[in-house]
PDB file of N, CA and C in Angstrom:
ATOM      1  N   MET A   1     -12.342 -16.261   0.432  1.00  0.00           N
ATOM      2  CA  MET A   1     -11.166 -16.715  -0.282  1.00  0.00           C
ATOM      3  C   MET A   1     -11.042 -18.227  -0.139  1.00  0.00           C
ATOM      4  N   LYS A   2     -10.425 -18.796  -1.114  1.00  0.00           N
ATOM      5  CA  LYS A   2     -10.229 -20.231  -1.089  1.00  0.00           C
ATOM      6  C   LYS A   2      -9.116 -20.592  -0.116  1.00  0.00           C
ATOM      7  N   THR A   3      -9.086 -21.849   0.245  1.00  0.00           N
ATOM      8  CA  THR A   3      -8.109 -22.320   1.229  1.00  0.00           C
ATOM      9  C   THR A   3      -6.683 -22.104   0.755  1.00  0.00           C
ATOM     10  N   TRP A   4      -6.422 -22.347  -0.524  1.00  0.00           N
ATOM     11  CA  TRP A   4      -5.043 -22.194  -0.993  1.00  0.00           C
ATOM     12  C   TRP A   4      -4.596 -20.742  -0.993  1.00  0.00           C
ATOM     13  N   HIS A   5      -5.558 -19.792  -1.100  1.00  0.00           N
ATOM     14  CA  HIS A   5      -5.197 -18.373  -0.968  1.00  0.00           C
ATOM     15  C   HIS A   5      -4.667 -18.088   0.430  1.00  0.00           C
ATOM     16  N   TRP A   6      -5.352 -18.652   1.433  1.00  0.00           N
ATOM     17  CA  TRP A   6      -4.928 -18.441   2.817  1.00  0.00           C
ATOM     18  C   TRP A   6      -3.576 -19.087   3.085  1.00  0.00           C
ATOM     19  N   ILE A   7      -3.342 -20.240   2.483  1.00  0.00           N
ATOM     20  CA  ILE A   7      -2.054 -20.920   2.669  1.00  0.00           C
ATOM     21  C   ILE A   7      -0.924 -20.089   2.068  1.00  0.00           C
ATOM     22  N   ILE A   8      -1.130 -19.590   0.863  1.00  0.00           N
ATOM     23  CA  ILE A   8      -0.106 -18.751   0.225  1.00  0.00           C
ATOM     24  C   ILE A   8       0.112 -17.468   1.023  1.00  0.00           C
ATOM     25  N   LEU A   9      -0.979 -16.855   1.495  1.00  0.00           N
ATOM     26  CA  LEU A   9      -0.858 -15.640   2.305  1.00  0.00           C
ATOM     27  C   LEU A   9      -0.076 -15.910   3.587  1.00  0.00           C
ATOM     28  N   ALA A  10      -0.349 -17.037   4.244  1.00  0.00           N
ATOM     29  CA  ALA A  10       0.369 -17.392   5.471  1.00  0.00           C
ATOM     30  C   ALA A  10       1.848 -17.633   5.183  1.00  0.00           C
ATOM     31  N   LEU A  11       2.160 -18.319   4.091  1.00  0.00           N
ATOM     32  CA  LEU A  11       3.563 -18.571   3.741  1.00  0.00           C
ATOM     33  C   LEU A  11       4.308 -17.279   3.429  1.00  0.00           C
ATOM     34  N   LEU A  12       3.663 -16.379   2.700  1.00  0.00           N
ATOM     35  CA  LEU A  12       4.303 -15.097   2.402  1.00  0.00           C
ATOM     36  C   LEU A  12       4.500 -14.256   3.660  1.00  0.00           C
ATOM     37  N   THR A  13       3.535 -14.308   4.572  1.00  0.00           N
ATOM     38  CA  THR A  13       3.670 -13.574   5.830  1.00  0.00           C
ATOM     39  C   THR A  13       4.821 -14.123   6.651  1.00  0.00           C
ATOM     40  N   ILE A  14       4.906 -15.441   6.752  1.00  0.00           N
ATOM     41  CA  ILE A  14       6.001 -16.066   7.504  1.00  0.00           C
ATOM     42  C   ILE A  14       7.343 -15.743   6.858  1.00  0.00           C
ATOM     43  N   ALA A  15       7.418 -15.809   5.528  1.00  0.00           N
ATOM     44  CA  ALA A  15       8.667 -15.487   4.831  1.00  0.00           C
ATOM     45  C   ALA A  15       9.062 -14.032   5.049  1.00  0.00           C
ATOM     46  N   SER A  16       8.082 -13.139   5.067  1.00  0.00           N
ATOM     47  CA  SER A  16       8.363 -11.722   5.296  1.00  0.00           C
ATOM     48  C   SER A  16       8.885 -11.482   6.706  1.00  0.00           C
ATOM     49  N   ILE A  17       8.286 -12.132   7.677  1.00  0.00           N
ATOM     50  CA  ILE A  17       8.740 -11.973   9.067  1.00  0.00           C
ATOM     51  C   ILE A  17      10.143 -12.531   9.234  1.00  0.00           C
ATOM     52  N   ILE A  18      10.404 -13.705   8.675  1.00  0.00           N
ATOM     53  CA  ILE A  18      11.742 -14.297   8.778  1.00  0.00           C
ATOM     54  C   ILE A  18      12.770 -13.407   8.095  1.00  0.00           C
ATOM     55  N   ALA A  19      12.437 -12.871   6.924  1.00  0.00           N
ATOM     56  CA  ALA A  19      13.378 -12.012   6.203  1.00  0.00           C
ATOM     57  C   ALA A  19      13.672 -10.739   6.991  1.00  0.00           C
ATOM     58  N   SER A  20      12.652 -10.161   7.612  1.00  0.00           N
ATOM     59  CA  SER A  20      12.881  -8.917   8.352  1.00  0.00           C
ATOM     60  C   SER A  20      13.685  -9.161   9.627  1.00  0.00           C
ATOM     61  N   LEU A  21      13.583 -10.346  10.196  1.00  0.00           N
ATOM     62  CA  LEU A  21      14.343 -10.638  11.411  1.00  0.00           C
ATOM     63  C   LEU A  21      15.771 -11.073  11.129  1.00  0.00           C
ATOM     64  N   THR A  22      16.033 -11.616   9.962  1.00  0.00           N
ATOM     65  CA  THR A  22      17.367 -12.144   9.676  1.00  0.00           C
ATOM     66  C   THR A  22      18.207 -11.239   8.788  1.00  0.00           C
ATOM     67  N   MET A  23      17.631 -10.224   8.178  1.00  0.00           N
ATOM     68  CA  MET A  23      18.411  -9.352   7.300  1.00  0.00           C
ATOM     69  C   MET A  23      19.335  -8.461   8.118  1.00  0.00           C
ATOM     70  N   HIS A  24      20.526  -8.290   7.620  1.00  0.00           N
ATOM     71  CA  HIS A  24      21.510  -7.437   8.279  1.00  0.00           C
ATOM     72  C   HIS A  24      21.206  -5.977   7.969  1.00  0.00           C
ATOM     73  N   HIS A  25      21.121  -5.189   9.018  1.00  0.00           N
ATOM     74  CA  HIS A  25      20.877  -3.754   8.845  1.00  0.00           C
ATOM     75  C   HIS A  25      22.180  -3.014   9.069  1.00  0.00           C
ATOM     76  N   ASP A  26      22.613  -2.299   8.060  1.00  0.00           N
ATOM     77  CA  ASP A  26      23.859  -1.559   8.140  1.00  0.00           C
ATOM     78  C   ASP A  26      23.588  -0.180   8.729  1.00  0.00           C
ATOM     79  N   PRO A  27      24.100   0.120   9.937  1.00  0.00           N
ATOM     80  CA  PRO A  27      23.837   1.421  10.551  1.00  0.00           C
ATOM     81  C   PRO A  27      24.454   2.594   9.779  1.00  0.00           C
ATOM     82  N   ALA A  28      25.415   2.329   8.925  1.00  0.00           N
ATOM     83  CA  ALA A  28      26.006   3.406   8.139  1.00  0.00           C
ATOM     84  C   ALA A  28      25.020   3.940   7.106  1.00  0.00           C
ATOM     85  N   HIS A  29      24.039   3.128   6.749  1.00  0.00           N
ATOM     86  CA  HIS A  29      23.034   3.540   5.770  1.00  0.00           C
ATOM     87  C   HIS A  29      21.692   3.785   6.430  1.00  0.00           C
ATOM     88  N   SER A  30      21.725   4.215   7.655  1.00  0.00           N
ATOM     89  CA  SER A  30      20.501   4.473   8.398  1.00  0.00           C
ATOM     90  C   SER A  30      20.035   5.907   8.144  1.00  0.00           C
ATOM     91  N   HIS A  31      18.732   6.091   8.145  1.00  0.00           N
ATOM     92  CA  HIS A  31      18.146   7.407   7.938  1.00  0.00           C
ATOM     93  C   HIS A  31      17.284   7.764   9.135  1.00  0.00           C
ATOM     94  N   LEU A  32      16.899   9.016   9.211  1.00  0.00           N
ATOM     95  CA  LEU A  32      16.088   9.483  10.329  1.00  0.00           C
ATOM     96  C   LEU A  32      14.778   8.718  10.426  1.00  0.00           C
ATOM     97  N   TRP A  33      14.111   8.480   9.283  1.00  0.00           N
ATOM     98  CA  TRP A  33      12.814   7.819   9.321  1.00  0.00           C
ATOM     99  C   TRP A  33      12.916   6.355   9.732  1.00  0.00           C
ATOM    100  N   ASP A  34      14.098   5.757   9.638  1.00  0.00           N
ATOM    101  CA  ASP A  34      14.273   4.384  10.110  1.00  0.00           C
ATOM    102  C   ASP A  34      14.227   4.292  11.634  1.00  0.00           C
ATOM    103  N   THR A  35      14.457   5.405  12.317  1.00  0.00           N
ATOM    104  CA  THR A  35      14.425   5.388  13.781  1.00  0.00           C
ATOM    105  C   THR A  35      13.021   5.579  14.340  1.00  0.00           C
ATOM    106  N   LEU A  36      12.089   6.058  13.510  1.00  0.00           N
ATOM    107  CA  LEU A  36      10.710   6.240  13.960  1.00  0.00           C
ATOM    108  C   LEU A  36       9.963   4.915  13.823  1.00  0.00           C
ATOM    109  N   PRO A  37       9.388   4.406  14.914  1.00  0.00           N
ATOM    110  CA  PRO A  37       8.803   3.065  14.860  1.00  0.00           C
ATOM    111  C   PRO A  37       7.570   2.939  13.962  1.00  0.00           C
ATOM    112  N   VAL A  38       6.817   3.987  13.768  1.00  0.00           N
ATOM    113  CA  VAL A  38       5.587   3.880  12.983  1.00  0.00           C
ATOM    114  C   VAL A  38       5.677   4.619  11.653  1.00  0.00           C
ATOM    115  N   PHE A  39       6.873   4.971  11.223  1.00  0.00           N
ATOM    116  CA  PHE A  39       7.002   5.765  10.003  1.00  0.00           C
ATOM    117  C   PHE A  39       6.415   5.052   8.790  1.00  0.00           C
ATOM    118  N   TRP A  40       6.777   3.790   8.575  1.00  0.00           N
ATOM    119  CA  TRP A  40       6.325   3.095   7.376  1.00  0.00           C
ATOM    120  C   TRP A  40       4.834   2.822   7.408  1.00  0.00           C
ATOM    121  N   ILE A  41       4.263   2.649   8.589  1.00  0.00           N
ATOM    122  CA  ILE A  41       2.814   2.481   8.708  1.00  0.00           C
ATOM    123  C   ILE A  41       2.124   3.778   8.296  1.00  0.00           C
ATOM    124  N   LEU A  42       2.581   4.897   8.831  1.00  0.00           N
ATOM    125  CA  LEU A  42       1.994   6.189   8.474  1.00  0.00           C
ATOM    126  C   LEU A  42       2.240   6.534   7.009  1.00  0.00           C
ATOM    127  N   PHE A  43       3.412   6.221   6.513  1.00  0.00           N
ATOM    128  CA  PHE A  43       3.737   6.482   5.114  1.00  0.00           C
ATOM    129  C   PHE A  43       2.779   5.731   4.187  1.00  0.00           C
ATOM    130  N   GLY A  44       2.536   4.469   4.481  1.00  0.00           N
ATOM    131  CA  GLY A  44       1.608   3.677   3.676  1.00  0.00           C
ATOM    132  C   GLY A  44       0.190   4.185   3.776  1.00  0.00           C
ATOM    133  N   PHE A  45      -0.251   4.533   4.986  1.00  0.00           N
ATOM    134  CA  PHE A  45      -1.613   5.020   5.179  1.00  0.00           C
ATOM    135  C   PHE A  45      -1.831   6.355   4.460  1.00  0.00           C
ATOM    136  N   ILE A  46      -0.894   7.277   4.623  1.00  0.00           N
ATOM    137  CA  ILE A  46      -1.014   8.580   3.973  1.00  0.00           C
ATOM    138  C   ILE A  46      -0.939   8.420   2.453  1.00  0.00           C
ATOM    139  N   GLY A  47      -0.112   7.510   1.976  1.00  0.00           N
ATOM    140  CA  GLY A  47      -0.047   7.248   0.544  1.00  0.00           C
ATOM    141  C   GLY A  47      -1.367   6.733  -0.003  1.00  0.00           C
ATOM    142  N   CYS A  48      -2.028   5.842   0.739  1.00  0.00           N
ATOM    143  CA  CYS A  48      -3.342   5.336   0.316  1.00  0.00           C
ATOM    144  C   CYS A  48      -4.379   6.444   0.300  1.00  0.00           C
ATOM    145  N   VAL A  49      -4.363   7.285   1.327  1.00  0.00           N
ATOM    146  CA  VAL A  49      -5.319   8.398   1.381  1.00  0.00           C
ATOM    147  C   VAL A  49      -5.095   9.353   0.214  1.00  0.00           C
ATOM    148  N   VAL A  50      -3.855   9.643  -0.098  1.00  0.00           N
ATOM    149  CA  VAL A  50      -3.551  10.538  -1.210  1.00  0.00           C
ATOM    150  C   VAL A  50      -4.039   9.931  -2.532  1.00  0.00           C
ATOM    151  N   LEU A  51      -3.833   8.631  -2.724  1.00  0.00           N
ATOM    152  CA  LEU A  51      -4.306   7.995  -3.950  1.00  0.00           C
ATOM    153  C   LEU A  51      -5.826   8.030  -4.060  1.00  0.00           C
ATOM    154  N   ILE A  52      -6.518   7.812  -2.953  1.00  0.00           N
ATOM    155  CA  ILE A  52      -7.981   7.836  -2.963  1.00  0.00           C
ATOM    156  C   ILE A  52      -8.485   9.240  -3.281  1.00  0.00           C
ATOM    157  N   VAL A  53      -7.918  10.240  -2.627  1.00  0.00           N
ATOM    158  CA  VAL A  53      -8.338  11.620  -2.873  1.00  0.00           C
ATOM    159  C   VAL A  53      -8.030  12.004  -4.316  1.00  0.00           C
ATOM    160  N   PHE A  54      -6.875  11.625  -4.810  1.00  0.00           N
ATOM    161  CA  PHE A  54      -6.506  11.915  -6.193  1.00  0.00           C
ATOM    162  C   PHE A  54      -7.509  11.290  -7.160  1.00  0.00           C
ATOM    163  N   ALA A  55      -7.883  10.037  -6.899  1.00  0.00           N
ATOM    164  CA  ALA A  55      -8.819   9.353  -7.797  1.00  0.00           C
ATOM    165  C   ALA A  55     -10.202   9.990  -7.747  1.00  0.00           C
ATOM    166  N   LYS A  56     -10.654  10.385  -6.570  1.00  0.00           N
ATOM    167  CA  LYS A  56     -12.005  10.940  -6.446  1.00  0.00           C
ATOM    168  C   LYS A  56     -12.095  12.372  -6.944  1.00  0.00           C
ATOM    169  N   LYS A  57     -11.135  13.182  -6.638  1.00  0.00           N
ATOM    170  CA  LYS A  57     -11.219  14.608  -6.952  1.00  0.00           C
ATOM    171  C   LYS A  57     -10.703  14.961  -8.342  1.00  0.00           C
ATOM    172  N   ILE A  58      -9.684  14.277  -8.818  1.00  0.00           N
ATOM    173  CA  ILE A  58      -9.067  14.667 -10.072  1.00  0.00           C
ATOM    174  C   ILE A  58      -9.471  13.735 -11.217  1.00  0.00           C
ATOM    175  N   LEU A  59      -9.429  12.433 -10.987  1.00  0.00           N
ATOM    176  CA  LEU A  59      -9.716  11.503 -12.071  1.00  0.00           C
ATOM    177  C   LEU A  59     -11.202  11.279 -12.309  1.00  0.00           C
ATOM    178  N   ALA A  60     -12.012  11.354 -11.262  1.00  0.00           N
ATOM    179  CA  ALA A  60     -13.445  11.095 -11.421  1.00  0.00           C
ATOM    180  C   ALA A  60     -14.107  12.052 -12.409  1.00  0.00           C
ATOM    181  N   PRO A  61     -13.873  13.354 -12.342  1.00  0.00           N
ATOM    182  CA  PRO A  61     -14.500  14.238 -13.337  1.00  0.00           C
ATOM    183  C   PRO A  61     -14.051  13.952 -14.773  1.00  0.00           C
ATOM    184  N   ILE A  62     -12.875  13.427 -14.933  1.00  0.00           N
ATOM    185  CA  ILE A  62     -12.376  13.118 -16.271  1.00  0.00           C
ATOM    186  C   ILE A  62     -13.040  11.850 -16.811  1.00  0.00           C
ATOM    187  N   ILE A  63     -13.230  10.869 -15.962  1.00  0.00           N
ATOM    188  CA  ILE A  63     -13.725   9.561 -16.390  1.00  0.00           C
ATOM    189  C   ILE A  63     -15.245   9.524 -16.491  1.00  0.00           C
ATOM    190  N   TYR A  64     -15.950  10.081 -15.519  1.00  0.00           N
ATOM    191  CA  TYR A  64     -17.410   9.989 -15.484  1.00  0.00           C
ATOM    192  C   TYR A  64     -18.049  10.785 -16.614  1.00  0.00           C
ATOM    193  N   LYS A  65     -19.137  10.230 -17.130  1.00  0.00           N
ATOM    194  CA  LYS A  65     -19.905  10.883 -18.187  1.00  0.00           C
ATOM    195  C   LYS A  65     -21.279  11.250 -17.638  1.00  0.00           C
ATOM    196  N   LYS A  66     -21.996  12.110 -18.343  1.00  0.00           N
ATOM    197  CA  LYS A  66     -23.345  12.491 -17.936  1.00  0.00           C
ATOM    198  C   LYS A  66     -24.285  11.292 -18.072  1.00  0.00           C
ATOM    199  N   GLU A  67     -25.429  11.369 -17.380  1.00  0.00           N
ATOM    200  CA  GLU A  67     -26.378  10.264 -17.414  1.00  0.00           C
ATOM    201  C   GLU A  67     -26.895   9.984 -18.820  1.00  0.00           C
ATOM    202  N   ASP A  68     -27.118  11.003 -19.607  1.00  0.00           N
ATOM    203  CA  ASP A  68     -27.669  10.815 -20.942  1.00  0.00           C
ATOM    204  C   ASP A  68     -26.583  10.760 -22.031  1.00  0.00           C
ATOM    205  N   TYR A  69     -25.388  10.354 -21.655  1.00  0.00           N
ATOM    206  CA  TYR A  69     -24.266  10.313 -22.602  1.00  0.00           C
ATOM    207  C   TYR A  69     -24.562   9.391 -23.779  1.00  0.00           C
ATOM    208  N   TYR A  70     -25.147   8.210 -23.498  1.00  0.00           N
ATOM    209  CA  TYR A  70     -25.410   7.239 -24.562  1.00  0.00           C
ATOM    210  C   TYR A  70     -26.767   7.446 -25.223  1.00  0.00           C
ATOM    211  N   ASN A  71     -27.621   8.304 -24.684  1.00  0.00           N
ATOM    212  CA  ASN A  71     -28.947   8.523 -25.259  1.00  0.00           C
ATOM    213  C   ASN A  71     -28.931   9.527 -26.399  1.00  0.00           C
ATOM    214  N   ASP A  72     -27.886  10.256 -26.556  1.00  0.00           N
ATOM    215  CA  ASP A  72     -27.840  11.294 -27.593  1.00  0.00           C
ATOM    216  C   ASP A  72     -27.698  10.709 -28.964  1.00  0.00           C
TER     217      ASP A  72
END
């Protein structure tokens, strides 16, 4: 990646950390999954796995053609 990509990535990371530390969290709108420390990490990981499996198992047979598709 180019240098300016890294600079933008660093600025966005710093802005994200500052926003998460300074935002007010209202306990009245708290949910069970907010109390689990790794919930969002697992949620993101499982979501990625589901998308990959969906793409490989369901979409691949629809998109892929036979080897001699263009030779006919």
